[in-house]
Protein backbone atom coordinates (compact mmCIF):
# COMPACT_ATOMS: atom_id res chain seq x y z
CA UNK A 1 2.52 -25.04 -18.08
CA UNK A 2 -1.06 -23.96 -18.24
CA UNK A 3 -2.52 -20.59 -18.87
CA UNK A 4 -5.65 -19.06 -17.64
CA UNK A 5 -7.59 -15.69 -18.62
CA UNK A 6 -9.97 -14.09 -16.09
CA UNK A 7 -11.57 -10.86 -15.44
CA UNK A 8 -14.12 -9.08 -13.06
CA UNK A 9 -17.71 -8.77 -13.82
CA UNK A 10 -17.66 -5.11 -15.33
CA UNK A 11 -14.62 -6.04 -17.49
CA UNK A 12 -12.62 -3.43 -15.83
CA UNK A 13 -9.83 -5.70 -14.81
CA UNK A 14 -8.62 -8.71 -16.58
CA UNK A 15 -5.75 -11.18 -16.04
CA UNK A 16 -3.46 -14.02 -16.94
CA UNK A 17 -2.28 -16.79 -14.43
CA UNK A 18 0.67 -18.87 -15.85
CA UNK A 19 1.21 -22.30 -14.19
CA UNK A 20 -0.55 -25.22 -12.50
CA UNK A 21 -2.97 -25.22 -9.22
CA UNK A 22 -2.29 -27.36 -6.49
CA UNK A 23 -5.87 -27.52 -4.97
CA UNK A 24 -9.24 -26.36 -5.48
CA UNK A 25 -11.19 -26.08 -1.92
CA UNK A 26 -14.85 -25.60 -1.76
CA UNK A 27 -14.69 -23.74 1.77
CA UNK A 28 -17.79 -23.52 3.92
CA UNK A 29 -16.30 -21.45 6.98
CA UNK A 30 -18.32 -18.43 8.05
CA UNK A 31 -15.86 -15.74 6.85
CA UNK A 32 -16.43 -17.36 3.26
CA UNK A 33 -19.75 -17.57 3.15
CA UNK A 34 -19.71 -13.81 4.56
CA UNK A 35 -17.84 -12.47 1.94
CA UNK A 36 -19.33 -14.65 -1.07
CA UNK A 37 -22.96 -14.31 0.15
CA UNK A 38 -23.31 -18.00 -0.52
CA UNK A 39 -23.00 -21.09 0.88
CA UNK A 40 -19.17 -21.63 0.25
CA UNK A 41 -16.24 -20.15 -1.79
CA UNK A 42 -14.71 -22.08 -4.60
CA UNK A 43 -11.40 -21.21 -4.70
CA UNK A 44 -8.02 -22.57 -6.60
CA UNK A 45 -4.69 -22.47 -4.63
CA UNK A 46 -1.28 -22.31 -5.91
CA UNK A 47 2.32 -22.14 -4.54
CA UNK A 48 4.07 -21.89 -8.07
CA UNK A 49 1.52 -20.20 -10.49
CA UNK A 50 2.46 -16.37 -11.52
CA UNK A 51 -0.41 -13.71 -11.82
CA UNK A 52 -0.23 -10.88 -14.26
CA UNK A 53 -2.76 -8.19 -14.18
CA UNK A 54 -3.33 -7.25 -18.00
CA UNK A 55 -6.00 -4.35 -17.35
CA UNK A 56 -7.19 -2.57 -14.41
CA UNK A 57 -4.58 -3.17 -11.83
CA UNK A 58 -5.40 0.35 -10.34
CA UNK A 59 -9.11 -0.92 -9.91
CA UNK A 60 -8.10 -4.08 -7.66
CA UNK A 61 -8.31 -3.69 -3.89
CA UNK A 62 -7.84 -5.78 -0.93
CA UNK A 63 -9.07 -6.59 2.46
CA UNK A 64 -7.89 -8.99 5.23
CA UNK A 65 -10.22 -9.30 7.98
CA UNK A 66 -8.44 -8.04 11.02
CA UNK A 67 -7.01 -11.12 13.55
CA UNK A 68 -7.47 -13.75 10.76
CA UNK A 69 -5.65 -15.02 7.51
CA UNK A 70 -9.00 -14.68 5.57
CA UNK A 71 -8.39 -11.83 2.88
CA UNK A 72 -9.73 -11.15 -0.70
CA UNK A 73 -9.07 -8.97 -3.61
CA UNK A 74 -11.62 -7.29 -5.61
CA UNK A 75 -12.69 -5.03 -8.24
CA UNK A 76 -13.58 -1.64 -6.56
CA UNK A 77 -15.78 -0.61 -9.64
CA UNK A 78 -17.93 -4.01 -9.40
CA UNK A 79 -17.13 -5.89 -6.13
CA UNK A 80 -16.17 -9.05 -8.31
CA UNK A 81 -13.54 -11.36 -6.62
CA UNK A 82 -10.15 -11.62 -8.22
CA UNK A 83 -6.99 -13.30 -7.58
CA UNK A 84 -5.02 -12.50 -4.28
CA UNK A 85 -1.56 -13.09 -3.28
CA UNK A 86 -2.15 -11.47 0.20
CA UNK A 87 -0.66 -14.88 2.18
CA UNK A 88 3.13 -14.82 0.95
CA UNK A 89 4.00 -17.49 -1.23
CA UNK A 90 0.21 -18.71 -2.08
CA UNK A 91 -2.04 -17.62 -4.66
CA UNK A 92 -5.49 -17.68 -4.23
CA UNK A 93 -7.79 -17.22 -6.96
CA UNK A 94 -11.89 -17.69 -7.14
CA UNK A 95 -12.92 -20.05 -9.65
CA UNK A 96 -15.79 -17.92 -10.87
CA UNK A 97 -13.41 -14.96 -11.58
CA UNK A 98 -11.65 -17.20 -14.67
CA UNK A 99 -12.53 -17.17 -18.15
CA UNK A 100 -10.84 -20.22 -19.04
CA UNK A 101 -12.48 -23.20 -18.30
CA UNK A 102 -11.05 -25.41 -15.36
CA UNK A 103 -10.56 -29.01 -15.85
CA UNK A 104 -9.59 -29.64 -12.22
CA UNK A 105 -12.46 -30.95 -9.87
CA UNK A 106 -12.71 -29.97 -6.29
CA UNK A 107 -10.30 -31.25 -4.09
CA UNK A 108 -12.37 -31.32 -1.16
CA UNK A 109 -15.09 -29.06 0.90
CA UNK A 110 -13.09 -27.74 4.08
CA UNK A 111 -14.83 -26.28 7.13
CA UNK A 112 -17.71 -28.57 6.54
CA UNK A 113 -18.51 -28.32 10.30
CA UNK A 114 -19.62 -24.52 9.38
CA UNK A 115 -21.85 -25.43 6.41
CA UNK A 116 -25.12 -23.38 6.23
CA UNK A 117 -28.10 -25.08 7.23
CA UNK A 118 -29.85 -24.56 3.90
CA UNK A 119 -26.73 -26.40 2.18
CA UNK A 120 -28.04 -29.86 2.82
CA UNK A 121 -29.37 -32.29 0.23
CA UNK A 122 -29.07 -29.85 -2.54
CA UNK A 123 -29.21 -32.71 -5.39
CA UNK A 124 -32.67 -33.06 -4.99
CA UNK A 125 -33.50 -29.26 -5.85
CA UNK A 126 -35.28 -28.70 -8.85
CA UNK A 127 -32.86 -27.46 -11.90
CA UNK A 128 -33.57 -25.06 -14.52
CA UNK A 129 -31.24 -24.05 -17.53
CA UNK A 130 -32.03 -20.31 -16.87
CA UNK A 131 -34.44 -18.26 -14.90
CA UNK A 132 -37.73 -20.21 -14.05
CA UNK A 133 -41.11 -18.67 -15.06
C-alpha cells in the first residue's frame, strides 16, 4: 500500500491518502477547463484509497455544478483544488495538490474533442526552467 501526502497552496489544509490510484486522466472537457483555468485537469482516481484530512478539514469546501456530476473540493482560504469524494465510492485527487511524487504516468487524455484551440502542438513551444527575462 502506498501513502501520499498533499496540501493546499496556503498550507492550511493537509491530507494523507493510503492506497493505490486506478487511473490518471487528463480531462479536456469544458467544465475542467473552466474550473482549472487551464487546458485540462490532471486528476487521479481511486475506488479503494482512503483519504484522511491531517489539518484544516474545516477549510475544505465543495462545489458541484448543478445538473452534472462535475464537482470539486477546494481550500476556502486560497482556492487550491483538493481531493474529493463527492461521487460515492470514488476518490478524485487533483495531481497538483500532492506533495509526494507520483510515479504513475497519465492513463489517457479524455474529452479530447473539447480541447482548447491553443492546446495543440505544445511540444514545439520553447521551454524555460523559470520565468523568462
